[in-house]
Amino acid sequence: MKKKVASISLINKNLSINKNFLENATSEEIKYVIFHELLHLKYGIFHTPKFKSELKKHFPEIDLNKIQEGRIKALIKKT
């Protein structure tokens, strides 16, 4: 997994997380990504308003745009 931070199979319920991300992320970022992926089991593949609301409810201190658009992508690229 080189381009994605993480993914989850809705059928098999297997969670995969990028090794480079795990090596470079903070524990809070890792928790956020795991929770994000687990929410897909509840809400499906789309980031619906309910999905985003629950994510923000559990991680109010995290700037979702920063996580999703910048920091995580940078962490993947580190080797």
PDB file of N, CA and C in Angstrom:
ATOM      1  N   MET A   1       0.857  -1.164   0.000  1.00  0.00           N
ATOM      2  CA  MET A   1       0.000   0.000   0.000  1.00  0.00           C
ATOM      3  C   MET A   1       0.907   1.232   0.000  1.00  0.00           C
ATOM      4  N   LYS A   2       1.060   1.874  -1.166  1.00  0.00           N
ATOM      5  CA  LYS A   2       1.977   3.003  -1.259  1.00  0.00           C
ATOM      6  C   LYS A   2       1.281   4.348  -1.306  1.00  0.00           C
ATOM      7  N   LYS A   3       0.078   4.411  -1.786  1.00  0.00           N
ATOM      8  CA  LYS A   3      -0.591   5.697  -1.973  1.00  0.00           C
ATOM      9  C   LYS A   3      -1.653   5.988  -0.917  1.00  0.00           C
ATOM     10  N   LYS A   4      -2.216   4.980  -0.332  1.00  0.00           N
ATOM     11  CA  LYS A   4      -3.278   5.180   0.659  1.00  0.00           C
ATOM     12  C   LYS A   4      -2.707   5.092   2.062  1.00  0.00           C
ATOM     13  N   VAL A   5      -3.344   5.801   2.955  1.00  0.00           N
ATOM     14  CA  VAL A   5      -2.979   5.715   4.364  1.00  0.00           C
ATOM     15  C   VAL A   5      -3.509   4.415   4.935  1.00  0.00           C
ATOM     16  N   ALA A   6      -4.764   4.117   4.614  1.00  0.00           N
ATOM     17  CA  ALA A   6      -5.401   2.912   5.135  1.00  0.00           C
ATOM     18  C   ALA A   6      -6.597   2.564   4.265  1.00  0.00           C
ATOM     19  N   SER A   7      -7.024   1.336   4.393  1.00  0.00           N
ATOM     20  CA  SER A   7      -8.250   0.906   3.718  1.00  0.00           C
ATOM     21  C   SER A   7      -8.865  -0.215   4.535  1.00  0.00           C
ATOM     22  N   ILE A   8     -10.164  -0.397   4.309  1.00  0.00           N
ATOM     23  CA  ILE A   8     -10.867  -1.475   4.997  1.00  0.00           C
ATOM     24  C   ILE A   8     -11.778  -2.164   3.993  1.00  0.00           C
ATOM     25  N   SER A   9     -11.823  -3.463   4.052  1.00  0.00           N
ATOM     26  CA  SER A   9     -12.714  -4.232   3.194  1.00  0.00           C
ATOM     27  C   SER A   9     -14.065  -4.348   3.887  1.00  0.00           C
ATOM     28  N   LEU A  10     -15.093  -3.856   3.231  1.00  0.00           N
ATOM     29  CA  LEU A  10     -16.433  -3.944   3.814  1.00  0.00           C
ATOM     30  C   LEU A  10     -16.951  -5.378   3.805  1.00  0.00           C
ATOM     31  N   ILE A  11     -16.400  -6.207   2.949  1.00  0.00           N
ATOM     32  CA  ILE A  11     -16.829  -7.607   2.864  1.00  0.00           C
ATOM     33  C   ILE A  11     -16.086  -8.463   3.889  1.00  0.00           C
ATOM     34  N   ASN A  12     -14.750  -8.441   3.830  1.00  0.00           N
ATOM     35  CA  ASN A  12     -13.941  -9.279   4.720  1.00  0.00           C
ATOM     36  C   ASN A  12     -13.643  -8.633   6.066  1.00  0.00           C
ATOM     37  N   LYS A  13     -13.856  -7.319   6.143  1.00  0.00           N
ATOM     38  CA  LYS A  13     -13.577  -6.544   7.351  1.00  0.00           C
ATOM     39  C   LYS A  13     -12.094  -6.563   7.719  1.00  0.00           C
ATOM     40  N   ASN A  14     -11.238  -6.607   6.689  1.00  0.00           N
ATOM     41  CA  ASN A  14      -9.793  -6.534   6.893  1.00  0.00           C
ATOM     42  C   ASN A  14      -9.349  -5.082   6.825  1.00  0.00           C
ATOM     43  N   LEU A  15      -8.558  -4.660   7.786  1.00  0.00           N
ATOM     44  CA  LEU A  15      -8.029  -3.305   7.835  1.00  0.00           C
ATOM     45  C   LEU A  15      -6.553  -3.343   7.460  1.00  0.00           C
ATOM     46  N   SER A  16      -6.157  -2.501   6.511  1.00  0.00           N
ATOM     47  CA  SER A  16      -4.756  -2.375   6.113  1.00  0.00           C
ATOM     48  C   SER A  16      -4.318  -0.944   6.370  1.00  0.00           C
ATOM     49  N   ILE A  17      -3.121  -0.793   6.920  1.00  0.00           N
ATOM     50  CA  ILE A  17      -2.588   0.538   7.210  1.00  0.00           C
ATOM     51  C   ILE A  17      -1.184   0.637   6.621  1.00  0.00           C
ATOM     52  N   ASN A  18      -0.908   1.756   5.979  1.00  0.00           N
ATOM     53  CA  ASN A  18       0.371   2.017   5.347  1.00  0.00           C
ATOM     54  C   ASN A  18       1.496   1.993   6.387  1.00  0.00           C
ATOM     55  N   LYS A  19       2.535   1.216   6.109  1.00  0.00           N
ATOM     56  CA  LYS A  19       3.661   1.067   7.032  1.00  0.00           C
ATOM     57  C   LYS A  19       4.370   2.402   7.274  1.00  0.00           C
ATOM     58  N   ASN A  20       4.595   3.177   6.218  1.00  0.00           N
ATOM     59  CA  ASN A  20       5.266   4.472   6.376  1.00  0.00           C
ATOM     60  C   ASN A  20       4.444   5.412   7.250  1.00  0.00           C
ATOM     61  N   PHE A  21       3.142   5.345   7.091  1.00  0.00           N
ATOM     62  CA  PHE A  21       2.270   6.160   7.936  1.00  0.00           C
ATOM     63  C   PHE A  21       2.436   5.762   9.398  1.00  0.00           C
ATOM     64  N   LEU A  22       2.386   4.465   9.675  1.00  0.00           N
ATOM     65  CA  LEU A  22       2.513   3.988  11.056  1.00  0.00           C
ATOM     66  C   LEU A  22       3.840   4.399  11.683  1.00  0.00           C
ATOM     67  N   GLU A  23       4.892   4.414  10.885  1.00  0.00           N
ATOM     68  CA  GLU A  23       6.217   4.759  11.397  1.00  0.00           C
ATOM     69  C   GLU A  23       6.380   6.253  11.662  1.00  0.00           C
ATOM     70  N   ASN A  24       5.571   7.093  11.012  1.00  0.00           N
ATOM     71  CA  ASN A  24       5.763   8.540  11.095  1.00  0.00           C
ATOM     72  C   ASN A  24       4.629   9.309  11.766  1.00  0.00           C
ATOM     73  N   ALA A  25       3.511   8.674  11.973  1.00  0.00           N
ATOM     74  CA  ALA A  25       2.339   9.363  12.523  1.00  0.00           C
ATOM     75  C   ALA A  25       2.381   9.391  14.045  1.00  0.00           C
ATOM     76  N   THR A  26       1.653  10.339  14.597  1.00  0.00           N
ATOM     77  CA  THR A  26       1.485  10.378  16.052  1.00  0.00           C
ATOM     78  C   THR A  26       0.447   9.328  16.447  1.00  0.00           C
ATOM     79  N   SER A  27       0.392   9.002  17.713  1.00  0.00           N
ATOM     80  CA  SER A  27      -0.603   8.018  18.163  1.00  0.00           C
ATOM     81  C   SER A  27      -2.018   8.535  17.921  1.00  0.00           C
ATOM     82  N   GLU A  28      -2.222   9.840  18.065  1.00  0.00           N
ATOM     83  CA  GLU A  28      -3.548  10.420  17.827  1.00  0.00           C
ATOM     84  C   GLU A  28      -3.947  10.299  16.353  1.00  0.00           C
ATOM     85  N   GLU A  29      -3.004  10.501  15.446  1.00  0.00           N
ATOM     86  CA  GLU A  29      -3.293  10.353  14.014  1.00  0.00           C
ATOM     87  C   GLU A  29      -3.613   8.906  13.668  1.00  0.00           C
ATOM     88  N   ILE A  30      -2.909   7.982  14.282  1.00  0.00           N
ATOM     89  CA  ILE A  30      -3.176   6.560  14.042  1.00  0.00           C
ATOM     90  C   ILE A  30      -4.565   6.192  14.558  1.00  0.00           C
ATOM     91  N   LYS A  31      -4.912   6.654  15.744  1.00  0.00           N
ATOM     92  CA  LYS A  31      -6.253   6.392  16.288  1.00  0.00           C
ATOM     93  C   LYS A  31      -7.330   6.958  15.371  1.00  0.00           C
ATOM     94  N   TYR A  32      -7.090   8.165  14.889  1.00  0.00           N
ATOM     95  CA  TYR A  32      -8.042   8.817  13.988  1.00  0.00           C
ATOM     96  C   TYR A  32      -8.260   7.982  12.723  1.00  0.00           C
ATOM     97  N   VAL A  33      -7.174   7.535  12.110  1.00  0.00           N
ATOM     98  CA  VAL A  33      -7.272   6.769  10.865  1.00  0.00           C
ATOM     99  C   VAL A  33      -7.982   5.440  11.102  1.00  0.00           C
ATOM    100  N   ILE A  34      -7.660   4.765  12.184  1.00  0.00           N
ATOM    101  CA  ILE A  34      -8.334   3.494  12.489  1.00  0.00           C
ATOM    102  C   ILE A  34      -9.824   3.727  12.706  1.00  0.00           C
ATOM    103  N   PHE A  35     -10.159   4.748  13.487  1.00  0.00           N
ATOM    104  CA  PHE A  35     -11.570   5.048  13.731  1.00  0.00           C
ATOM    105  C   PHE A  35     -12.276   5.402  12.429  1.00  0.00           C
ATOM    106  N   HIS A  36     -11.622   6.198  11.598  1.00  0.00           N
ATOM    107  CA  HIS A  36     -12.167   6.583  10.295  1.00  0.00           C
ATOM    108  C   HIS A  36     -12.504   5.338   9.467  1.00  0.00           C
ATOM    109  N   GLU A  37     -11.566   4.417   9.396  1.00  0.00           N
ATOM    110  CA  GLU A  37     -11.792   3.202   8.608  1.00  0.00           C
ATOM    111  C   GLU A  37     -12.905   2.351   9.216  1.00  0.00           C
ATOM    112  N   LEU A  38     -12.957   2.242  10.529  1.00  0.00           N
ATOM    113  CA  LEU A  38     -14.019   1.458  11.165  1.00  0.00           C
ATOM    114  C   LEU A  38     -15.395   2.072  10.935  1.00  0.00           C
ATOM    115  N   LEU A  39     -15.451   3.396  10.830  1.00  0.00           N
ATOM    116  CA  LEU A  39     -16.735   4.041  10.522  1.00  0.00           C
ATOM    117  C   LEU A  39     -17.267   3.609   9.160  1.00  0.00           C
ATOM    118  N   HIS A  40     -16.364   3.255   8.256  1.00  0.00           N
ATOM    119  CA  HIS A  40     -16.818   2.774   6.949  1.00  0.00           C
ATOM    120  C   HIS A  40     -17.627   1.478   7.087  1.00  0.00           C
ATOM    121  N   LEU A  41     -17.330   0.682   8.089  1.00  0.00           N
ATOM    122  CA  LEU A  41     -18.126  -0.529   8.320  1.00  0.00           C
ATOM    123  C   LEU A  41     -19.556  -0.170   8.712  1.00  0.00           C
ATOM    124  N   LYS A  42     -19.718   0.939   9.401  1.00  0.00           N
ATOM    125  CA  LYS A  42     -21.037   1.378   9.854  1.00  0.00           C
ATOM    126  C   LYS A  42     -21.797   2.132   8.770  1.00  0.00           C
ATOM    127  N   TYR A  43     -21.097   3.028   8.049  1.00  0.00           N
ATOM    128  CA  TYR A  43     -21.768   3.933   7.111  1.00  0.00           C
ATOM    129  C   TYR A  43     -21.537   3.617   5.631  1.00  0.00           C
ATOM    130  N   GLY A  44     -20.681   2.662   5.327  1.00  0.00           N
ATOM    131  CA  GLY A  44     -20.401   2.367   3.924  1.00  0.00           C
ATOM    132  C   GLY A  44     -19.232   3.186   3.399  1.00  0.00           C
ATOM    133  N   ILE A  45     -19.094   3.207   2.082  1.00  0.00           N
ATOM    134  CA  ILE A  45     -17.890   3.790   1.494  1.00  0.00           C
ATOM    135  C   ILE A  45     -17.883   5.308   1.428  1.00  0.00           C
ATOM    136  N   PHE A  46     -19.030   5.942   1.534  1.00  0.00           N
ATOM    137  CA  PHE A  46     -19.097   7.389   1.347  1.00  0.00           C
ATOM    138  C   PHE A  46     -18.935   8.152   2.657  1.00  0.00           C
ATOM    139  N   HIS A  47     -18.369   9.335   2.544  1.00  0.00           N
ATOM    140  CA  HIS A  47     -18.210  10.232   3.694  1.00  0.00           C
ATOM    141  C   HIS A  47     -19.445  11.119   3.794  1.00  0.00           C
ATOM    142  N   THR A  48     -20.505  10.528   4.281  1.00  0.00           N
ATOM    143  CA  THR A  48     -21.789  11.224   4.405  1.00  0.00           C
ATOM    144  C   THR A  48     -21.728  12.231   5.558  1.00  0.00           C
ATOM    145  N   PRO A  49     -22.706  13.122   5.643  1.00  0.00           N
ATOM    146  CA  PRO A  49     -22.738  14.038   6.790  1.00  0.00           C
ATOM    147  C   PRO A  49     -22.756  13.303   8.137  1.00  0.00           C
ATOM    148  N   LYS A  50     -23.458  12.182   8.226  1.00  0.00           N
ATOM    149  CA  LYS A  50     -23.484  11.409   9.479  1.00  0.00           C
ATOM    150  C   LYS A  50     -22.100  10.838   9.790  1.00  0.00           C
ATOM    151  N   PHE A  51     -21.430  10.343   8.766  1.00  0.00           N
ATOM    152  CA  PHE A  51     -20.069   9.819   8.906  1.00  0.00           C
ATOM    153  C   PHE A  51     -19.160  10.916   9.465  1.00  0.00           C
ATOM    154  N   LYS A  52     -19.174  12.077   8.814  1.00  0.00           N
ATOM    155  CA  LYS A  52     -18.318  13.194   9.229  1.00  0.00           C
ATOM    156  C   LYS A  52     -18.674  13.697  10.621  1.00  0.00           C
ATOM    157  N   SER A  53     -19.957  13.720  10.932  1.00  0.00           N
ATOM    158  CA  SER A  53     -20.407  14.181  12.240  1.00  0.00           C
ATOM    159  C   SER A  53     -19.899  13.270  13.354  1.00  0.00           C
ATOM    160  N   GLU A  54     -19.984  11.969  13.138  1.00  0.00           N
ATOM    161  CA  GLU A  54     -19.514  11.033  14.161  1.00  0.00           C
ATOM    162  C   GLU A  54     -17.999  11.110  14.311  1.00  0.00           C
ATOM    163  N   LEU A  55     -17.308  11.267  13.219  1.00  0.00           N
ATOM    164  CA  LEU A  55     -15.855  11.403  13.267  1.00  0.00           C
ATOM    165  C   LEU A  55     -15.462  12.646  14.062  1.00  0.00           C
ATOM    166  N   LYS A  56     -16.121  13.755  13.777  1.00  0.00           N
ATOM    167  CA  LYS A  56     -15.830  15.016  14.475  1.00  0.00           C
ATOM    168  C   LYS A  56     -16.221  14.933  15.958  1.00  0.00           C
ATOM    169  N   LYS A  57     -17.280  14.176  16.250  1.00  0.00           N
ATOM    170  CA  LYS A  57     -17.729  13.998  17.641  1.00  0.00           C
ATOM    171  C   LYS A  57     -16.652  13.308  18.480  1.00  0.00           C
ATOM    172  N   HIS A  58     -15.995  12.324  17.898  1.00  0.00           N
ATOM    173  CA  HIS A  58     -14.985  11.555  18.620  1.00  0.00           C
ATOM    174  C   HIS A  58     -13.591  12.177  18.544  1.00  0.00           C
ATOM    175  N   PHE A  59     -13.365  13.009  17.524  1.00  0.00           N
ATOM    176  CA  PHE A  59     -12.066  13.662  17.347  1.00  0.00           C
ATOM    177  C   PHE A  59     -12.263  15.152  17.082  1.00  0.00           C
ATOM    178  N   PRO A  60     -12.838  15.877  18.036  1.00  0.00           N
ATOM    179  CA  PRO A  60     -13.138  17.296  17.805  1.00  0.00           C
ATOM    180  C   PRO A  60     -11.895  18.167  17.671  1.00  0.00           C
ATOM    181  N   GLU A  61     -10.788  17.724  18.243  1.00  0.00           N
ATOM    182  CA  GLU A  61      -9.580  18.533  18.226  1.00  0.00           C
ATOM    183  C   GLU A  61      -8.783  18.402  16.933  1.00  0.00           C
ATOM    184  N   ILE A  62      -9.138  17.450  16.114  1.00  0.00           N
ATOM    185  CA  ILE A  62      -8.395  17.224  14.876  1.00  0.00           C
ATOM    186  C   ILE A  62      -9.041  17.998  13.740  1.00  0.00           C
ATOM    187  N   ASP A  63      -8.217  18.752  13.019  1.00  0.00           N
ATOM    188  CA  ASP A  63      -8.678  19.476  11.839  1.00  0.00           C
ATOM    189  C   ASP A  63      -8.797  18.458  10.706  1.00  0.00           C
ATOM    190  N   LEU A  64     -10.016  18.079  10.368  1.00  0.00           N
ATOM    191  CA  LEU A  64     -10.235  17.026   9.381  1.00  0.00           C
ATOM    192  C   LEU A  64      -9.629  17.369   8.034  1.00  0.00           C
ATOM    193  N   ASN A  65      -9.724  18.612   7.606  1.00  0.00           N
ATOM    194  CA  ASN A  65      -9.153  18.992   6.315  1.00  0.00           C
ATOM    195  C   ASN A  65      -7.639  18.839   6.317  1.00  0.00           C
ATOM    196  N   LYS A  66      -6.996  19.230   7.403  1.00  0.00           N
ATOM    197  CA  LYS A  66      -5.543  19.096   7.514  1.00  0.00           C
ATOM    198  C   LYS A  66      -5.140  17.632   7.432  1.00  0.00           C
ATOM    199  N   ILE A  67      -5.840  16.798   8.155  1.00  0.00           N
ATOM    200  CA  ILE A  67      -5.536  15.366   8.159  1.00  0.00           C
ATOM    201  C   ILE A  67      -5.736  14.777   6.772  1.00  0.00           C
ATOM    202  N   GLN A  68      -6.899  15.019   6.190  1.00  0.00           N
ATOM    203  CA  GLN A  68      -7.255  14.359   4.940  1.00  0.00           C
ATOM    204  C   GLN A  68      -6.514  14.910   3.734  1.00  0.00           C
ATOM    205  N   GLU A  69      -6.116  16.175   3.758  1.00  0.00           N
ATOM    206  CA  GLU A  69      -5.534  16.777   2.565  1.00  0.00           C
ATOM    207  C   GLU A  69      -4.022  16.941   2.608  1.00  0.00           C
ATOM    208  N   GLY A  70      -3.439  17.019   3.772  1.00  0.00           N
ATOM    209  CA  GLY A  70      -2.034  17.362   3.804  1.00  0.00           C
ATOM    210  C   GLY A  70      -1.133  16.469   4.613  1.00  0.00           C
ATOM    211  N   ARG A  71      -1.304  16.476   5.899  1.00  0.00           N
ATOM    212  CA  ARG A  71      -0.365  15.810   6.806  1.00  0.00           C
ATOM    213  C   ARG A  71      -0.215  14.329   6.508  1.00  0.00           C
ATOM    214  N   ILE A  72      -1.309  13.647   6.329  1.00  0.00           N
ATOM    215  CA  ILE A  72      -1.244  12.199   6.110  1.00  0.00           C
ATOM    216  C   ILE A  72      -0.550  11.883   4.795  1.00  0.00           C
ATOM    217  N   LYS A  73      -0.864  12.629   3.749  1.00  0.00           N
ATOM    218  CA  LYS A  73      -0.205  12.394   2.461  1.00  0.00           C
ATOM    219  C   LYS A  73       1.302  12.581   2.587  1.00  0.00           C
ATOM    220  N   ALA A  74       1.714  13.572   3.357  1.00  0.00           N
ATOM    221  CA  ALA A  74       3.141  13.805   3.568  1.00  0.00           C
ATOM    222  C   ALA A  74       3.775  12.648   4.332  1.00  0.00           C
ATOM    223  N   LEU A  75       3.057  12.100   5.287  1.00  0.00           N
ATOM    224  CA  LEU A  75       3.588  10.994   6.077  1.00  0.00           C
ATOM    225  C   LEU A  75       3.797   9.742   5.238  1.00  0.00           C
ATOM    226  N   ILE A  76       2.950   9.527   4.255  1.00  0.00           N
ATOM    227  CA  ILE A  76       3.079   8.343   3.402  1.00  0.00           C
ATOM    228  C   ILE A  76       4.374   8.405   2.607  1.00  0.00           C
ATOM    229  N   LYS A  77       4.735   9.590   2.162  1.00  0.00           N
ATOM    230  CA  LYS A  77       5.877   9.749   1.270  1.00  0.00           C
ATOM    231  C   LYS A  77       7.215   9.582   1.971  1.00  0.00           C
ATOM    232  N   LYS A  78       7.259   9.718   3.281  1.00  0.00           N
ATOM    233  CA  LYS A  78       8.521   9.574   4.010  1.00  0.00           C
ATOM    234  C   LYS A  78       9.003   8.135   3.911  1.00  0.00           C
ATOM    235  N   THR A  79      10.289   7.985   3.727  1.00  0.00           N
ATOM    236  CA  THR A  79      10.850   6.630   3.665  1.00  0.00           C
ATOM    237  C   THR A  79      12.021   6.481   4.596  1.00  0.00           C
TER     238      THR A  79
END
